[in-house]
Amino acid sequence: QVQLVESGGGSVHFGGSLRLSCAASGSIFSINAMGWYRQAPGKERELVAGISTEGDPYYADVVKGRFTISRVRATNTLFLQMTSLKPEGTAMYYCAASEYVNVEYPMAFWGKGTLVTVSS
């Protein structure tokens, strides 16, 4: 089993920045692709950014140029640097990990989330 714990959420004003972190523990050797998802109130969960086993990043169009995903492969610690935040970015952000190589396949492991609130 893999446990994921997110941190770094908080409240910022429009245009502000936050850096999310995700610490993995347990059977981290089984982790390949990882990603950050978010779910806003009343909306479905969506993939914000992902990173493949090889380190290839993926970004949703709405965050391209503003968010940067990275990770320390040895520990499978995942980060999400968010800049130029907008109020529509207010959501619970979840870290997820997959046994598959690429992020388009289902994630097997999920953290409990960290809340990001962006005020206008």
Protein backbone atom coordinates (compact mmCIF):
# COMPACT_ATOMS: atom_id res chain seq x y z
CA GLN A 1 0.00 0.00 0.00
CA VAL A 2 0.98 3.61 -0.56
CA GLN A 3 0.10 6.52 1.67
CA LEU A 4 0.10 10.07 0.30
CA VAL A 5 -0.01 13.19 2.45
CA GLU A 6 -0.45 16.63 0.95
CA SER A 7 0.63 19.92 2.48
CA GLY A 8 1.05 23.54 1.49
CA GLY A 9 -2.52 24.60 0.91
CA GLY A 10 -3.86 27.86 2.26
CA SER A 11 -5.54 31.13 1.46
CA VAL A 12 -4.08 33.61 -1.02
CA HIS A 13 -5.25 36.62 -2.95
CA PHE A 14 -5.76 36.77 -6.69
CA GLY A 15 -2.37 36.58 -8.39
CA GLY A 16 -0.68 34.93 -5.43
CA SER A 17 1.42 31.79 -5.31
CA LEU A 18 1.46 28.55 -3.36
CA ARG A 19 3.60 25.45 -3.42
CA LEU A 20 1.95 22.13 -2.69
CA SER A 21 3.90 19.10 -1.53
CA CYS A 22 2.99 15.45 -1.40
CA ALA A 23 4.93 12.97 0.69
CA ALA A 24 4.68 9.30 -0.19
CA SER A 25 5.25 6.40 2.18
CA GLY A 26 4.74 2.68 2.21
CA SER A 27 5.35 0.71 -0.98
CA ILE A 28 6.71 3.68 -2.90
CA PHE A 29 8.60 1.37 -5.28
CA SER A 30 5.26 0.58 -6.90
CA ILE A 31 4.65 4.23 -7.85
CA ASN A 32 5.11 5.28 -11.45
CA ALA A 33 3.08 8.24 -12.71
CA MET A 34 1.83 10.84 -10.24
CA GLY A 35 -0.53 13.74 -10.49
CA TRP A 36 -2.35 16.60 -8.86
CA TYR A 37 -6.13 16.73 -9.09
CA ARG A 38 -8.56 19.28 -7.77
CA GLN A 39 -12.22 19.37 -6.96
CA ALA A 40 -14.11 22.60 -6.53
CA PRO A 41 -17.44 22.74 -4.70
CA GLY A 42 -20.20 21.35 -6.88
CA LYS A 43 -17.81 20.27 -9.61
CA GLU A 44 -16.18 17.05 -10.69
CA ARG A 45 -12.61 16.23 -9.84
CA GLU A 46 -10.20 17.17 -12.60
CA LEU A 47 -6.58 16.46 -13.41
CA VAL A 48 -4.54 19.64 -13.04
CA ALA A 49 -1.03 18.37 -13.68
CA GLY A 50 0.69 15.04 -13.95
CA ILE A 51 4.12 13.57 -14.41
CA SER A 52 5.04 10.29 -16.04
CA THR A 53 7.58 7.75 -14.90
CA GLU A 54 10.06 9.34 -17.29
CA GLY A 55 9.39 12.80 -15.92
CA ASP A 56 7.26 14.08 -18.77
CA PRO A 57 4.81 16.68 -17.47
CA TYR A 58 1.19 17.14 -18.38
CA TYR A 59 -0.84 20.26 -17.67
CA ALA A 60 -4.51 21.04 -18.06
CA ASP A 61 -4.99 23.96 -20.44
CA VAL A 62 -6.37 26.15 -17.68
CA VAL A 63 -3.10 26.04 -15.71
CA LYS A 64 -0.49 25.93 -18.47
CA GLY A 65 2.17 28.56 -17.98
CA ARG A 66 1.17 29.14 -14.35
CA PHE A 67 1.64 25.77 -12.61
CA THR A 68 4.77 23.61 -12.53
CA ILE A 69 4.82 19.98 -11.44
CA SER A 70 8.00 18.31 -10.24
CA ARG A 71 9.09 15.40 -8.11
CA VAL A 72 12.01 13.76 -6.40
CA ARG A 73 11.97 10.36 -8.05
CA ALA A 74 13.94 8.58 -5.32
CA THR A 75 11.32 9.33 -2.68
CA ASN A 76 8.36 10.02 -4.96
CA THR A 77 7.84 13.36 -3.29
CA LEU A 78 5.63 15.43 -5.54
CA PHE A 79 5.36 19.20 -5.79
CA LEU A 80 3.08 21.67 -7.50
CA GLN A 81 4.24 25.26 -7.80
CA MET A 82 1.21 27.44 -8.47
CA THR A 83 1.56 31.06 -9.56
CA SER A 84 -0.86 33.71 -10.77
CA LEU A 85 -3.64 31.99 -8.89
CA LYS A 86 -7.22 32.84 -9.77
CA PRO A 87 -10.42 32.57 -7.69
CA GLU A 88 -11.58 29.70 -9.90
CA GLY A 89 -8.59 27.80 -8.60
CA THR A 90 -10.28 27.49 -5.22
CA ALA A 91 -10.60 23.77 -4.59
CA MET A 92 -9.40 20.79 -2.64
CA TYR A 93 -6.19 19.62 -4.24
CA TYR A 94 -5.36 15.92 -4.18
CA CYS A 95 -2.12 14.08 -4.79
CA ALA A 96 -2.46 10.78 -6.61
CA ALA A 97 -0.15 8.00 -7.68
CA SER A 98 -0.41 5.28 -10.26
CA GLU A 99 1.25 1.97 -10.98
CA TYR A 100 1.03 2.87 -14.66
CA VAL A 101 3.69 4.77 -16.56
CA ASN A 102 1.52 7.61 -17.80
CA VAL A 103 -1.07 9.80 -16.10
CA GLU A 104 -3.92 9.00 -18.48
CA TYR A 105 -4.44 5.69 -16.71
CA PRO A 106 -6.38 5.41 -13.44
CA MET A 107 -4.67 6.42 -10.25
CA ALA A 108 -4.52 3.76 -7.57
CA PHE A 109 -3.56 5.81 -4.54
CA TRP A 110 -4.95 9.09 -3.24
CA GLY A 111 -4.17 11.55 -0.50
CA LYS A 112 -6.82 13.24 1.60
CA GLY A 113 -6.30 16.62 0.02
CA THR A 114 -5.19 20.11 0.92
CA LEU A 115 -7.46 23.12 0.55
CA VAL A 116 -6.53 26.08 -1.62
CA THR A 117 -8.63 29.22 -1.41
CA VAL A 118 -8.06 32.15 -3.75
CA SER A 119 -9.84 35.40 -2.99
CA SER A 120 -10.49 38.14 -5.49
